[in-house]
Protein backbone atom coordinates (compact mmCIF):
# COMPACT_ATOMS: atom_id res chain seq x y z
CA MET A 1 34.10 33.37 52.87
CA GLN A 2 33.69 30.44 50.50
CA GLN A 3 36.76 28.43 49.70
CA SER A 4 38.22 28.73 46.21
CA GLN A 5 39.04 25.70 44.10
CA SER A 6 42.55 24.29 44.21
CA ALA A 7 44.52 24.31 40.97
CA ASN A 8 44.20 20.51 40.95
CA ALA A 9 40.39 20.60 41.18
CA GLN A 10 40.12 23.43 38.68
CA THR A 11 42.00 21.33 36.10
CA TYR A 12 39.22 18.70 36.17
CA ILE A 13 36.48 21.33 36.08
CA ASP A 14 38.11 22.98 33.08
CA LEU A 15 38.33 19.62 31.27
CA GLU A 16 34.59 19.06 31.64
CA ASP A 17 33.82 22.62 30.59
CA ARG A 18 36.02 22.31 27.51
CA TYR A 19 35.08 18.85 26.25
CA GLY A 20 31.69 18.04 27.77
CA ALA A 21 28.24 19.32 26.84
CA HIS A 22 27.04 21.82 29.42
CA ASN A 23 23.82 20.00 30.34
CA TYR A 24 24.42 20.21 34.11
CA HIS A 25 25.41 22.92 36.55
CA PRO A 26 27.45 21.01 39.14
CA LEU A 27 28.44 22.30 42.53
CA PRO A 28 32.17 23.04 42.16
CA VAL A 29 33.65 20.08 43.98
CA VAL A 30 35.62 17.32 42.22
CA LEU A 31 35.13 13.89 43.79
CA GLU A 32 37.41 10.90 43.40
CA LYS A 33 36.46 8.44 46.15
CA GLY A 34 33.36 7.30 48.02
CA GLU A 35 32.77 4.93 50.92
CA GLY A 36 29.58 4.57 52.90
CA VAL A 37 28.14 8.00 53.71
CA TYR A 38 31.35 9.83 52.77
CA VAL A 39 33.02 11.11 49.61
CA TRP A 40 36.47 12.63 49.16
CA ASP A 41 37.60 15.24 46.66
CA VAL A 42 40.78 15.23 44.61
CA ASP A 43 42.54 17.21 47.33
CA GLY A 44 41.67 14.67 50.00
CA LYS A 45 38.92 16.65 51.75
CA LYS A 46 36.16 14.47 53.23
CA TYR A 47 32.44 15.28 52.97
CA PHE A 48 29.12 13.86 54.06
CA ASP A 49 27.13 13.05 50.90
CA PHE A 50 23.64 14.46 51.40
CA LEU A 51 22.41 13.89 47.85
CA SER A 52 23.25 10.20 47.27
CA ALA A 53 23.39 10.71 43.50
CA TYR A 54 19.71 11.73 43.56
CA SER A 55 18.90 8.71 45.77
CA ALA A 56 20.73 6.16 43.62
CA VAL A 57 23.28 5.44 46.39
CA ASN A 58 20.82 4.48 49.12
CA GLN A 59 23.05 1.58 50.18
CA GLY A 60 26.09 3.86 50.55
CA HIS A 61 29.03 4.38 48.25
CA CYS A 62 30.81 1.25 47.02
CA HIS A 63 28.97 -1.21 49.24
CA PRO A 64 31.27 -4.24 49.36
CA LYS A 65 28.53 -6.82 48.73
CA ILE A 66 27.29 -4.99 45.64
CA ILE A 67 30.80 -4.35 44.32
CA GLN A 68 31.65 -8.02 44.79
CA ALA A 69 28.61 -9.04 42.76
CA LEU A 70 29.75 -6.67 40.00
CA LYS A 71 33.26 -8.14 40.00
CA ASP A 72 32.19 -11.77 40.15
CA GLN A 73 29.72 -11.56 37.27
CA SER A 74 32.07 -9.39 35.19
CA ASP A 75 34.58 -12.25 35.27
CA GLN A 76 31.95 -14.64 33.93
CA LEU A 77 29.71 -12.97 31.36
CA THR A 78 28.76 -9.33 30.84
CA LEU A 79 26.40 -9.16 27.88
CA THR A 80 24.59 -11.52 25.53
CA SER A 81 21.88 -9.13 24.30
CA ARG A 82 18.39 -10.61 24.28
CA ALA A 83 19.15 -12.52 21.10
CA PHE A 84 19.98 -15.45 23.39
CA TYR A 85 18.98 -16.69 26.82
CA ASN A 86 21.48 -16.47 29.67
CA ASN A 87 21.63 -18.17 33.06
CA VAL A 88 21.07 -14.99 35.14
CA LEU A 89 18.14 -13.05 33.67
CA GLY A 90 15.39 -15.48 34.62
CA GLU A 91 16.70 -15.67 38.17
CA TYR A 92 16.68 -11.87 38.37
CA GLU A 93 13.15 -11.57 36.96
CA ARG A 94 11.83 -14.11 39.46
CA TYR A 95 13.66 -12.32 42.28
CA MET A 96 12.19 -8.93 41.31
CA ALA A 97 8.67 -10.31 40.84
CA ASN A 98 8.73 -11.92 44.28
CA TYR A 99 10.43 -8.98 46.00
CA PHE A 100 7.89 -6.42 44.78
CA LYS A 101 4.92 -8.83 44.43
CA PHE A 102 4.15 -8.50 40.73
CA ASP A 103 3.82 -11.21 38.09
CA MET A 104 6.36 -9.94 35.58
CA VAL A 105 9.18 -7.47 35.03
CA LEU A 106 10.56 -5.71 31.96
CA PRO A 107 14.21 -4.80 32.62
CA MET A 108 15.74 -1.59 31.27
CA ASN A 109 18.76 0.58 32.12
CA THR A 110 17.83 4.14 33.06
CA GLY A 111 14.89 5.77 34.77
CA ALA A 112 13.80 7.72 31.73
CA GLU A 113 13.85 4.52 29.65
CA ALA A 114 11.64 2.84 32.22
CA VAL A 115 9.13 5.72 32.10
CA GLU A 116 9.04 5.54 28.31
CA THR A 117 8.51 1.78 28.61
CA ALA A 118 5.57 2.25 30.98
CA VAL A 119 4.00 4.78 28.62
CA LYS A 120 4.27 2.32 25.72
CA ILE A 121 2.77 -0.52 27.76
CA ALA A 122 -0.12 1.67 28.92
CA ARG A 123 -0.95 2.77 25.39
CA ARG A 124 -0.88 -0.73 23.94
CA TRP A 125 -2.97 -2.00 26.87
CA ALA A 126 -5.49 0.77 26.16
CA TYR A 127 -5.89 -0.32 22.54
CA GLU A 128 -5.76 -4.07 23.00
CA LYS A 129 -7.48 -4.51 26.37
CA LYS A 130 -9.60 -1.43 27.11
CA GLY A 131 -10.82 -0.91 23.55
CA ILE A 132 -9.72 2.68 23.03
CA ALA A 133 -9.42 3.59 19.35
CA GLU A 134 -5.85 3.47 18.09
CA ASN A 135 -3.86 6.69 18.55
CA GLN A 136 -6.53 8.19 20.83
CA ALA A 137 -5.19 7.10 24.24
CA GLN A 138 -4.50 9.81 26.82
CA ILE A 139 -2.31 9.58 29.93
CA VAL A 140 -2.93 11.86 32.90
CA VAL A 141 0.16 13.31 34.59
CA CYS A 142 0.77 15.81 37.38
CA LYS A 143 1.92 19.39 37.24
CA ASP A 144 5.55 19.86 38.37
CA ASN A 145 6.33 16.23 37.58
CA PHE A 146 9.82 14.99 36.83
CA HIS A 147 10.04 11.70 34.96
CA GLY A 148 13.19 12.31 32.91
CA ARG A 149 14.30 14.40 29.95
CA THR A 150 13.55 12.37 26.83
CA THR A 151 11.43 14.03 24.15
CA THR A 152 8.24 12.25 25.15
CA VAL A 153 8.76 12.87 28.87
CA ILE A 154 9.42 16.59 28.53
CA SER A 155 6.31 16.79 26.38
CA PHE A 156 4.25 16.44 29.57
CA SER A 157 6.52 18.56 31.78
CA ASN A 158 5.87 22.18 32.71
CA ASP A 159 9.59 22.84 33.25
CA GLU A 160 10.29 25.39 30.54
CA GLY A 161 14.04 25.02 31.02
CA ALA A 162 13.77 21.39 29.97
CA LYS A 163 11.41 22.13 27.05
CA LYS A 164 12.59 25.31 25.36
CA ASN A 165 13.56 24.75 21.70
CA PHE A 166 13.13 20.97 21.88
CA GLY A 167 9.71 20.76 20.17
CA PRO A 168 7.61 19.58 18.48
CA PHE A 169 6.38 17.55 21.41
CA THR A 170 4.52 14.27 21.80
CA ASP A 171 0.73 14.46 22.15
CA GLY A 172 -1.45 12.31 24.36
CA PHE A 173 -1.00 13.73 27.86
CA ILE A 174 -3.27 15.69 30.18
CA GLN A 175 -1.83 17.57 33.15
CA VAL A 176 -3.63 17.98 36.49
CA PRO A 177 -2.46 19.59 39.75
CA TYR A 178 -0.50 17.30 42.06
CA SER A 179 -2.39 15.84 45.03
CA ASP A 180 -5.75 17.01 43.68
CA ALA A 181 -8.06 14.00 43.63
CA GLU A 182 -11.13 16.07 42.75
CA THR A 183 -9.62 17.40 39.53
CA LEU A 184 -8.18 14.00 38.69
CA GLU A 185 -11.63 12.43 38.96
CA LYS A 186 -13.26 15.14 36.84
CA VAL A 187 -10.70 14.71 34.07
CA ILE A 188 -10.96 10.91 34.02
CA LYS A 189 -14.77 10.96 34.16
CA ALA A 190 -14.95 13.41 31.24
CA ASN A 191 -12.64 11.48 28.93
CA PRO A 192 -13.27 7.80 28.02
CA ASN A 193 -9.88 7.67 26.27
CA ILE A 194 -7.83 7.85 29.47
CA ALA A 195 -5.44 4.89 29.56
CA ALA A 196 -3.40 5.64 32.67
CA PHE A 197 -2.53 8.00 35.50
CA LEU A 198 1.24 8.46 35.97
CA VAL A 199 2.30 9.83 39.36
CA GLU A 200 5.27 10.21 41.69
CA PRO A 201 4.22 9.24 45.25
CA ILE A 202 6.41 12.15 46.37
CA GLN A 203 7.66 14.70 43.85
CA GLY A 204 11.41 14.71 44.51
CA GLU A 205 12.78 17.04 41.87
CA ALA A 206 9.95 19.53 42.45
CA GLY A 207 11.23 20.04 45.99
CA VAL A 208 10.08 16.95 47.90
CA ASN A 209 6.37 17.70 47.54
CA VAL A 210 4.49 15.27 49.77
CA PRO A 211 0.85 14.73 48.75
CA GLN A 212 -2.07 15.18 51.10
CA GLU A 213 -2.72 12.15 53.27
CA GLY A 214 -4.90 9.67 51.44
CA PHE A 215 -4.32 11.10 47.96
CA LEU A 216 -2.75 7.95 46.55
CA ALA A 217 -5.58 5.80 47.90
CA GLN A 218 -8.13 8.20 46.38
CA ALA A 219 -6.31 8.09 43.05
CA ARG A 220 -6.25 4.29 43.20
CA ALA A 221 -10.01 4.19 43.74
CA ILE A 222 -10.65 6.63 40.89
CA CYS A 223 -8.51 4.58 38.51
CA ASP A 224 -10.29 1.37 39.55
CA ALA A 225 -13.70 2.94 39.01
CA HIS A 226 -12.88 3.95 35.42
CA ASN A 227 -10.62 1.08 34.28
CA VAL A 228 -7.55 3.33 34.20
CA LEU A 229 -4.06 2.03 34.94
CA MET A 230 -2.29 3.61 37.91
CA ILE A 231 1.45 3.94 37.28
CA CYS A 232 3.74 4.88 40.17
CA ASP A 233 7.15 6.30 39.30
CA GLU A 234 9.24 5.30 42.32
CA ILE A 235 12.61 5.80 40.66
CA GLN A 236 13.63 8.28 43.34
CA THR A 237 11.20 7.49 46.16
CA GLY A 238 11.51 3.70 46.09
CA ILE A 239 13.99 1.25 47.61
CA ALA A 240 13.55 2.33 51.27
CA ARG A 241 14.26 6.04 50.71
CA THR A 242 11.06 7.26 52.38
CA GLY A 243 11.08 4.83 55.30
CA LYS A 244 9.17 2.10 53.46
CA LEU A 245 10.34 -0.15 50.65
CA LEU A 246 8.06 1.93 48.42
CA ALA A 247 6.67 5.38 49.11
CA SER A 248 3.25 4.18 47.98
CA CYS A 249 3.13 2.04 51.15
CA GLY A 250 2.36 5.27 52.98
CA ASN A 251 -0.18 3.99 55.53
CA CYS A 252 1.49 0.69 56.24
CA SER A 253 2.66 0.36 59.86
CA CYS A 254 5.61 -1.91 59.14
CA SER A 255 8.62 -1.12 56.99
CA ASN A 256 9.90 -4.31 55.45
CA ARG A 257 9.28 -6.07 52.18
CA ASP A 258 7.51 -9.03 53.81
CA CYS A 259 4.67 -6.78 54.94
CA ALA A 260 1.49 -8.72 55.69
CA GLU A 261 -0.67 -5.60 55.72
CA THR A 262 -2.29 -3.89 52.79
CA PRO A 263 -0.25 -0.92 51.53
CA GLU A 264 -1.89 2.40 50.82
CA VAL A 265 -1.91 1.54 47.13
CA LYS A 266 -0.57 -1.07 44.81
CA PRO A 267 -0.10 0.44 41.35
CA ASP A 268 -0.89 -1.44 38.18
CA MET A 269 2.62 -0.60 37.00
CA LEU A 270 5.63 0.18 39.15
CA ILE A 271 8.64 2.03 37.72
CA LEU A 272 11.97 1.55 39.50
CA GLY A 273 15.55 2.67 38.93
CA LYS A 274 18.43 4.43 40.71
CA ALA A 275 18.90 2.52 43.99
CA ILE A 276 17.96 -0.84 42.44
CA SER A 277 21.70 -1.08 41.80
CA GLY A 278 22.95 0.93 44.78
CA GLY A 279 24.46 3.37 42.30
CA VAL A 280 26.87 0.75 40.99
CA TYR A 281 25.37 0.14 37.54
CA PRO A 282 22.53 1.56 35.41
CA VAL A 283 19.48 -0.60 36.17
CA SER A 284 15.77 0.16 35.88
CA ALA A 285 12.60 -1.87 35.54
CA VAL A 286 8.87 -1.78 34.98
CA LEU A 287 6.79 -4.28 36.94
CA ALA A 288 3.18 -5.28 36.25
CA ASN A 289 0.90 -8.27 36.42
CA LYS A 290 0.53 -10.60 33.45
CA HIS A 291 -2.76 -9.22 32.09
CA ILE A 292 -0.98 -5.92 31.49
CA MET A 293 2.56 -7.03 30.64
CA GLU A 294 1.40 -9.60 28.09
CA VAL A 295 0.70 -6.83 25.57
CA ILE A 296 4.48 -6.66 25.06
CA THR A 297 5.42 -9.12 22.34
CA PRO A 298 8.69 -9.95 20.52
CA GLY A 299 9.94 -6.94 18.60
CA SER A 300 7.61 -4.44 20.27
CA HIS A 301 10.15 -3.19 22.80
CA GLY A 302 13.72 -3.89 23.78
CA SER A 303 17.16 -2.81 24.88
CA THR A 304 20.56 -4.28 24.07
CA PHE A 305 21.77 -3.84 27.64
CA GLY A 306 18.44 -4.21 29.46
CA GLY A 307 18.59 -7.12 31.89
CA ASN A 308 22.21 -7.97 31.14
CA PRO A 309 23.89 -10.46 33.52
CA VAL A 310 25.96 -7.84 35.37
CA ALA A 311 22.94 -5.61 35.94
CA ALA A 312 20.91 -8.57 37.17
CA LYS A 313 23.49 -9.73 39.70
CA VAL A 314 24.20 -6.21 40.92
CA ALA A 315 20.49 -5.47 41.41
CA MET A 316 19.86 -8.63 43.40
CA ALA A 317 22.82 -7.88 45.66
CA ALA A 318 21.68 -4.27 46.12
CA LEU A 319 18.16 -5.30 47.07
CA ASP A 320 19.49 -7.96 49.46
CA VAL A 321 21.39 -5.18 51.24
CA VAL A 322 18.20 -3.14 51.67
CA LYS A 323 16.48 -6.06 53.40
CA ASP A 324 19.44 -7.48 55.33
CA GLU A 325 20.55 -4.13 56.76
CA GLY A 326 17.09 -2.82 57.61
CA LEU A 327 17.50 0.32 55.54
CA ALA A 328 13.79 1.17 55.43
CA GLU A 329 13.54 1.07 59.19
CA ASN A 330 16.66 3.18 59.54
CA ALA A 331 15.40 5.76 57.05
CA ASP A 332 12.10 6.01 58.89
CA LYS A 333 13.74 6.53 62.29
CA LEU A 334 16.45 8.96 61.15
CA GLY A 335 14.07 10.91 58.93
CA THR A 336 11.76 11.61 61.86
CA LEU A 337 14.76 12.74 63.91
CA PHE A 338 16.10 14.93 61.11
CA ARG A 339 12.83 16.79 60.62
CA SER A 340 12.34 17.32 64.36
CA LEU A 341 15.86 18.75 64.81
CA ILE A 342 15.55 21.03 61.78
CA GLN A 343 12.06 22.12 62.84
CA ALA A 344 13.41 23.08 66.28
CA TYR A 345 15.87 25.38 64.52
CA ILE A 346 13.23 26.78 62.16
CA ASP A 347 11.04 27.71 65.13
CA LYS A 348 13.72 30.17 66.25
CA SER A 349 14.97 31.39 62.87
CA ASN A 350 13.67 33.16 59.79
CA ILE A 351 16.13 31.90 57.15
CA VAL A 352 14.13 28.68 56.54
CA SER A 353 10.35 28.70 56.17
CA LEU A 354 9.70 24.94 56.44
CA VAL A 355 11.08 21.40 56.35
CA ARG A 356 9.17 18.57 54.68
CA GLY A 357 9.65 15.01 53.57
CA LYS A 358 9.37 11.35 54.49
CA GLY A 359 12.09 9.03 55.66
CA LEU A 360 15.45 10.34 54.47
CA LEU A 361 14.02 12.25 51.52
CA ASN A 362 13.66 15.77 52.87
CA ALA A 363 13.90 19.38 51.81
CA ILE A 364 14.05 22.80 53.39
CA VAL A 365 12.52 25.87 51.77
CA ILE A 366 14.75 28.93 52.07
CA ASN A 367 12.94 32.13 52.97
CA ASP A 368 13.84 33.90 49.73
CA SER A 369 12.52 34.01 46.19
CA PRO A 370 13.16 31.13 43.77
CA GLU A 371 15.06 33.61 41.60
CA SER A 372 17.56 34.39 44.36
CA ASP A 373 20.93 32.68 44.73
CA THR A 374 20.61 32.23 48.50
CA ALA A 375 20.04 28.45 48.38
CA TRP A 376 23.00 28.03 46.03
CA ASN A 377 25.22 30.08 48.31
CA ILE A 378 24.09 28.03 51.31
CA CYS A 379 25.04 24.84 49.47
CA MET A 380 28.43 26.32 48.64
CA ARG A 381 28.96 27.08 52.33
CA LEU A 382 27.74 23.61 53.28
CA ARG A 383 30.42 22.27 50.96
CA ASP A 384 33.03 24.38 52.74
CA ASN A 385 31.76 22.97 56.04
CA GLY A 386 32.00 19.35 54.88
CA LEU A 387 28.52 18.45 53.60
CA LEU A 388 27.32 18.19 49.99
CA ALA A 389 23.77 19.09 48.96
CA LYS A 390 22.19 20.79 45.98
CA PRO A 391 19.36 23.30 45.42
CA THR A 392 16.30 22.52 43.35
CA HIS A 393 13.72 24.98 42.04
CA GLY A 394 15.78 27.95 43.16
CA ASN A 395 15.07 28.28 46.86
CA ILE A 396 14.71 24.63 47.95
CA ILE A 397 17.55 22.43 49.23
CA ARG A 398 17.04 18.67 49.07
CA PHE A 399 18.66 16.45 51.71
CA ALA A 400 18.95 12.73 50.89
CA PRO A 401 21.91 10.98 52.57
CA PRO A 402 22.70 7.28 52.12
CA LEU A 403 20.34 5.15 54.18
CA ILE A 404 23.18 3.41 55.99
CA MET A 405 23.81 6.60 58.00
CA ASN A 406 23.69 6.19 61.79
CA GLU A 407 22.25 8.55 64.39
CA THR A 408 25.61 9.94 65.46
CA GLN A 409 26.45 10.84 61.87
CA LEU A 410 23.00 12.33 61.29
CA ARG A 411 23.30 14.56 64.36
CA GLU A 412 26.73 15.71 63.18
CA CYS A 413 25.23 16.57 59.80
CA VAL A 414 22.35 18.49 61.36
CA ASP A 415 24.90 20.48 63.36
CA ILE A 416 26.71 21.36 60.11
CA ILE A 417 23.44 22.36 58.42
CA ILE A 418 22.29 24.55 61.32
CA LYS A 419 25.73 26.12 61.74
CA THR A 420 25.72 26.98 58.02
CA LEU A 421 22.20 28.36 58.03
CA LYS A 422 23.05 30.62 60.97
CA GLU A 423 25.70 32.24 58.80
CA PHE A 424 22.89 33.47 56.52
CA GLU A 425 20.50 34.78 59.16
């Protein structure tokens, strides 16, 4: 039997229900503290966090180095806007350019803002560099994508829950099936007004959909052949989550940022967010080389808080942690172990039909219809058993713990997951 909420927890839930817009459907647990791979609720119960704030907390909750950077800069200077220079932004932009090997960076705050930024850059590049007639540029996207919930972004989504009664929508997007290089090539060949192809290297929100091997490299070649920009949205998959610094480094045999080998693809534009700050502060960015980024000129794009001194210092500290603590290597090793242990259970059970993922971005597909509440009920029982996860697309449960997790903790979590699943056999 699932545990009921304490009166204390219910008070906080009722406050949100009464005074907050109902734009989320949270699992009923009220958290007040986080440290490393753990969170605690208002009644003092401890849980493993297996969502990591949708992969924003890759470095673990309240990492002391990142928190110290936040505190130190907050005592000095928090915001100047971009009306003036400050002594931190240039350092941050150089750091990001060198870390991810691009010429330039445009700093923003949230993932959706960064996607909107990339769309604007691609369109202006199409008109000023490729020679497409103004207002005719098209951007190719993938079915089942998730790039945010702004009006433009939902315009190219096929998630009816995100779109219903929010029209009219923004034109200029063509949708193709995910991981379908043949269709992608046909669409780009047939339309000279294609400016860019926007893709998630792994579709996280859609249920951790991993593309066919070689798809990204094929897409890169198609874009090169037709002078189309390739834009990788690595807001969720980036920053070591999939066992590499970036998920687009899929065929690379090493797993650190100083890789001397050629990655599977290098996009023309890279969109980052979430774990850039370790979940401590809203930070996002678009990276590109100069011949693309130079289409942005004064007044054409901006953000009051984008690239503020606190965000810059927090992001540099968070990315130092990824390198210094070997989080990509750890995610690669533990992800392989996680999938093998879960697969061993699946082989002898019928409640789960498959496990998939890369690194520590994984999902299980529950053997029930997407309209059923089985996955939700499993997550409720996982909560009762001390582990927090959340369903997506009805019958899929995503598992994405902080990347600082060790093998002993991972095995304990797998035991909790299997014990819980057995209750539903």
